[in-house]
Amino acid sequence: MSCFSFRLLSAHQLIYKAEVYAVILPSAKGQVTLLNDHMSMVSALEAGKVCVQEQKSGALKDFEICGGFFEMTNSECVVYAHMA
């Protein structure tokens, strides 16, 4: 499985940008795990942790958010978050 582009943005700045293997998000409909070539979607996010895995066997990086939304298109995921 290959990597995809990921950006985490707040209202005022780019928080994190990387090529990642997986992203786990606290969506309003439950936890969502995104991998490369995931179907396109937009969803609201709840307060919780955004977990990013840069490599298939790598450790997770966590970011606390207070909500927001994400958009997954083609091989790119952008999270627009209210930061904790």
N, C-alpha and C. Protein backbone atom coordinates (compact mmCIF):
# COMPACT_ATOMS: atom_id res chain seq x y z
N MET A 1 0.86 -1.17 0.00
CA MET A 1 0.00 0.00 0.00
C MET A 1 0.90 1.23 0.00
N SER A 2 0.56 2.20 -0.80
CA SER A 2 1.39 3.40 -0.92
C SER A 2 0.87 4.54 -0.03
N CYS A 3 1.67 5.58 0.04
CA CYS A 3 1.35 6.74 0.87
C CYS A 3 0.49 7.74 0.10
N PHE A 4 -0.06 8.69 0.85
CA PHE A 4 -0.84 9.77 0.25
C PHE A 4 -0.55 11.07 0.98
N SER A 5 -0.93 12.17 0.36
CA SER A 5 -0.67 13.50 0.91
C SER A 5 -1.66 13.83 2.01
N PHE A 6 -1.16 14.37 3.13
CA PHE A 6 -2.01 14.74 4.26
C PHE A 6 -1.61 16.12 4.75
N ARG A 7 -2.61 16.96 5.02
CA ARG A 7 -2.39 18.28 5.63
C ARG A 7 -3.38 18.47 6.76
N LEU A 8 -2.90 19.01 7.86
CA LEU A 8 -3.73 19.39 9.01
C LEU A 8 -3.63 20.90 9.14
N LEU A 9 -4.77 21.58 8.98
CA LEU A 9 -4.81 23.04 9.00
C LEU A 9 -5.70 23.54 10.12
N SER A 10 -5.26 24.64 10.76
CA SER A 10 -6.13 25.37 11.68
C SER A 10 -6.58 26.62 10.94
N ALA A 11 -7.33 27.45 11.60
CA ALA A 11 -7.81 28.68 10.96
C ALA A 11 -6.67 29.61 10.58
N HIS A 12 -5.54 29.50 11.26
CA HIS A 12 -4.46 30.47 11.06
C HIS A 12 -3.15 29.91 10.54
N GLN A 13 -3.02 28.56 10.50
CA GLN A 13 -1.73 28.03 10.09
C GLN A 13 -1.79 26.57 9.67
N LEU A 14 -0.75 26.17 8.95
CA LEU A 14 -0.54 24.77 8.62
C LEU A 14 0.11 24.12 9.85
N ILE A 15 -0.56 23.11 10.39
CA ILE A 15 -0.06 22.44 11.59
C ILE A 15 0.89 21.31 11.23
N TYR A 16 0.54 20.56 10.19
CA TYR A 16 1.31 19.36 9.85
C TYR A 16 1.08 19.02 8.39
N LYS A 17 2.14 18.62 7.70
CA LYS A 17 2.04 18.21 6.30
C LYS A 17 3.02 17.08 6.07
N ALA A 18 2.55 15.99 5.44
CA ALA A 18 3.45 14.86 5.19
C ALA A 18 2.80 13.89 4.20
N GLU A 19 3.63 13.01 3.68
CA GLU A 19 3.14 11.85 2.95
C GLU A 19 2.94 10.77 4.01
N VAL A 20 1.74 10.22 4.09
CA VAL A 20 1.40 9.30 5.18
C VAL A 20 0.85 7.98 4.64
N TYR A 21 0.91 6.97 5.48
CA TYR A 21 0.37 5.66 5.16
C TYR A 21 -1.11 5.56 5.56
N ALA A 22 -1.45 6.13 6.72
CA ALA A 22 -2.82 6.04 7.22
C ALA A 22 -3.13 7.23 8.12
N VAL A 23 -4.41 7.58 8.17
CA VAL A 23 -4.91 8.64 9.06
C VAL A 23 -6.17 8.10 9.74
N ILE A 24 -6.25 8.29 11.05
CA ILE A 24 -7.43 7.88 11.81
C ILE A 24 -8.06 9.15 12.37
N LEU A 25 -9.35 9.34 12.06
CA LEU A 25 -10.04 10.59 12.39
C LEU A 25 -11.27 10.33 13.25
N PRO A 26 -11.58 11.26 14.18
CA PRO A 26 -12.79 11.14 15.01
C PRO A 26 -13.99 11.79 14.31
N SER A 27 -14.57 11.12 13.34
CA SER A 27 -15.67 11.73 12.59
C SER A 27 -16.95 11.74 13.42
N ALA A 28 -17.89 12.54 12.99
CA ALA A 28 -19.18 12.65 13.68
C ALA A 28 -19.96 11.34 13.63
N LYS A 29 -19.62 10.45 12.70
CA LYS A 29 -20.31 9.17 12.55
C LYS A 29 -19.48 8.00 13.08
N GLY A 30 -18.42 8.30 13.79
CA GLY A 30 -17.55 7.25 14.33
C GLY A 30 -16.14 7.40 13.80
N GLN A 31 -15.25 6.59 14.30
CA GLN A 31 -13.86 6.64 13.88
C GLN A 31 -13.72 6.22 12.42
N VAL A 32 -12.90 6.96 11.66
CA VAL A 32 -12.67 6.68 10.24
C VAL A 32 -11.18 6.49 10.02
N THR A 33 -10.80 5.41 9.36
CA THR A 33 -9.41 5.18 8.97
C THR A 33 -9.31 5.36 7.47
N LEU A 34 -8.39 6.22 7.05
CA LEU A 34 -8.20 6.50 5.63
C LEU A 34 -6.85 5.97 5.17
N LEU A 35 -6.87 5.27 4.03
CA LEU A 35 -5.66 4.78 3.38
C LEU A 35 -5.62 5.36 1.97
N ASN A 36 -4.51 5.19 1.29
CA ASN A 36 -4.38 5.67 -0.08
C ASN A 36 -5.50 5.11 -0.95
N ASP A 37 -5.99 5.91 -1.87
CA ASP A 37 -7.07 5.54 -2.80
C ASP A 37 -8.41 5.29 -2.12
N HIS A 38 -8.60 5.86 -0.93
CA HIS A 38 -9.91 5.78 -0.26
C HIS A 38 -10.91 6.55 -1.12
N MET A 39 -12.16 6.14 -1.07
CA MET A 39 -13.18 6.86 -1.84
C MET A 39 -13.25 8.32 -1.38
N SER A 40 -13.63 9.20 -2.28
CA SER A 40 -13.76 10.61 -1.95
C SER A 40 -14.88 10.81 -0.93
N MET A 41 -14.63 11.67 0.04
CA MET A 41 -15.66 11.96 1.04
C MET A 41 -15.34 13.24 1.79
N VAL A 42 -16.38 13.82 2.37
CA VAL A 42 -16.27 14.98 3.25
C VAL A 42 -17.11 14.66 4.47
N SER A 43 -16.59 14.95 5.66
CA SER A 43 -17.34 14.64 6.87
C SER A 43 -16.93 15.59 8.00
N ALA A 44 -17.86 15.82 8.90
CA ALA A 44 -17.59 16.61 10.10
C ALA A 44 -16.74 15.79 11.06
N LEU A 45 -15.95 16.49 11.89
CA LEU A 45 -15.13 15.84 12.90
C LEU A 45 -15.56 16.26 14.29
N GLU A 46 -15.49 15.33 15.20
CA GLU A 46 -15.78 15.57 16.61
C GLU A 46 -14.47 15.90 17.33
N ALA A 47 -14.56 16.34 18.55
CA ALA A 47 -13.37 16.52 19.38
C ALA A 47 -12.71 15.16 19.60
N GLY A 48 -11.39 15.15 19.57
CA GLY A 48 -10.66 13.89 19.77
C GLY A 48 -9.28 13.96 19.16
N LYS A 49 -8.71 12.79 18.88
CA LYS A 49 -7.36 12.70 18.34
C LYS A 49 -7.38 12.41 16.86
N VAL A 50 -6.56 13.14 16.12
CA VAL A 50 -6.22 12.80 14.74
C VAL A 50 -4.91 12.03 14.84
N CYS A 51 -4.90 10.79 14.38
CA CYS A 51 -3.71 9.94 14.45
C CYS A 51 -3.17 9.75 13.04
N VAL A 52 -1.88 10.00 12.88
CA VAL A 52 -1.22 9.93 11.57
C VAL A 52 -0.11 8.88 11.65
N GLN A 53 -0.10 7.98 10.67
CA GLN A 53 0.94 6.96 10.57
C GLN A 53 1.73 7.23 9.29
N GLU A 54 2.99 7.66 9.44
CA GLU A 54 3.78 8.03 8.27
C GLU A 54 4.28 6.84 7.48
N GLN A 55 4.52 5.72 8.13
CA GLN A 55 4.98 4.52 7.44
C GLN A 55 4.14 3.34 7.90
N LYS A 56 4.10 2.29 7.07
CA LYS A 56 3.26 1.14 7.37
C LYS A 56 3.53 0.56 8.75
N SER A 57 4.78 0.49 9.14
CA SER A 57 5.12 -0.08 10.45
C SER A 57 5.54 1.00 11.45
N GLY A 58 5.26 2.25 11.11
CA GLY A 58 5.69 3.36 11.96
C GLY A 58 4.76 3.67 13.11
N ALA A 59 5.28 4.46 14.03
CA ALA A 59 4.50 4.91 15.18
C ALA A 59 3.48 5.96 14.74
N LEU A 60 2.45 6.13 15.55
CA LEU A 60 1.42 7.13 15.27
C LEU A 60 1.79 8.47 15.89
N LYS A 61 1.49 9.56 15.17
CA LYS A 61 1.59 10.91 15.72
C LYS A 61 0.16 11.36 16.00
N ASP A 62 -0.07 11.90 17.19
CA ASP A 62 -1.41 12.32 17.61
C ASP A 62 -1.50 13.83 17.68
N PHE A 63 -2.67 14.35 17.26
CA PHE A 63 -2.97 15.77 17.35
C PHE A 63 -4.37 15.90 17.96
N GLU A 64 -4.51 16.65 19.04
CA GLU A 64 -5.81 16.87 19.67
C GLU A 64 -6.55 17.97 18.92
N ILE A 65 -7.81 17.70 18.57
CA ILE A 65 -8.64 18.72 17.93
C ILE A 65 -9.94 18.88 18.70
N CYS A 66 -10.60 20.00 18.48
CA CYS A 66 -11.90 20.28 19.13
C CYS A 66 -13.05 20.15 18.14
N GLY A 67 -12.77 19.67 16.94
CA GLY A 67 -13.78 19.52 15.91
C GLY A 67 -13.26 20.09 14.60
N GLY A 68 -14.12 20.07 13.60
CA GLY A 68 -13.75 20.58 12.29
C GLY A 68 -14.37 19.71 11.21
N PHE A 69 -13.67 19.57 10.09
CA PHE A 69 -14.12 18.66 9.04
C PHE A 69 -12.93 18.23 8.21
N PHE A 70 -13.11 17.15 7.43
CA PHE A 70 -12.04 16.69 6.55
C PHE A 70 -12.60 16.43 5.16
N GLU A 71 -11.68 16.46 4.20
CA GLU A 71 -12.00 16.15 2.82
C GLU A 71 -10.96 15.17 2.29
N MET A 72 -11.43 14.06 1.75
CA MET A 72 -10.55 13.07 1.12
C MET A 72 -10.89 13.05 -0.35
N THR A 73 -9.92 13.34 -1.21
CA THR A 73 -10.12 13.29 -2.66
C THR A 73 -8.89 12.67 -3.29
N ASN A 74 -9.11 11.77 -4.24
CA ASN A 74 -8.01 11.08 -4.92
C ASN A 74 -7.03 10.55 -3.88
N SER A 75 -5.82 11.02 -3.88
CA SER A 75 -4.82 10.57 -2.91
C SER A 75 -4.37 11.71 -2.03
N GLU A 76 -5.35 12.49 -1.55
CA GLU A 76 -5.05 13.63 -0.68
C GLU A 76 -6.13 13.77 0.38
N CYS A 77 -5.69 14.00 1.62
CA CYS A 77 -6.61 14.26 2.72
C CYS A 77 -6.23 15.59 3.37
N VAL A 78 -7.24 16.46 3.53
CA VAL A 78 -7.03 17.74 4.20
C VAL A 78 -8.00 17.81 5.38
N VAL A 79 -7.45 18.08 6.56
CA VAL A 79 -8.25 18.25 7.77
C VAL A 79 -8.23 19.73 8.14
N TYR A 80 -9.42 20.31 8.25
CA TYR A 80 -9.59 21.69 8.70
C TYR A 80 -10.10 21.60 10.13
N ALA A 81 -9.23 21.91 11.10
CA ALA A 81 -9.54 21.61 12.50
C ALA A 81 -9.56 22.84 13.39
N HIS A 82 -10.39 22.74 14.42
CA HIS A 82 -10.35 23.66 15.55
C HIS A 82 -9.40 22.98 16.53
N MET A 83 -8.26 23.61 16.81
CA MET A 83 -7.25 22.97 17.64
C MET A 83 -7.55 23.13 19.12
N ALA A 84 -7.20 22.10 19.88
CA ALA A 84 -7.40 22.10 21.33
C ALA A 84 -6.40 23.00 22.01
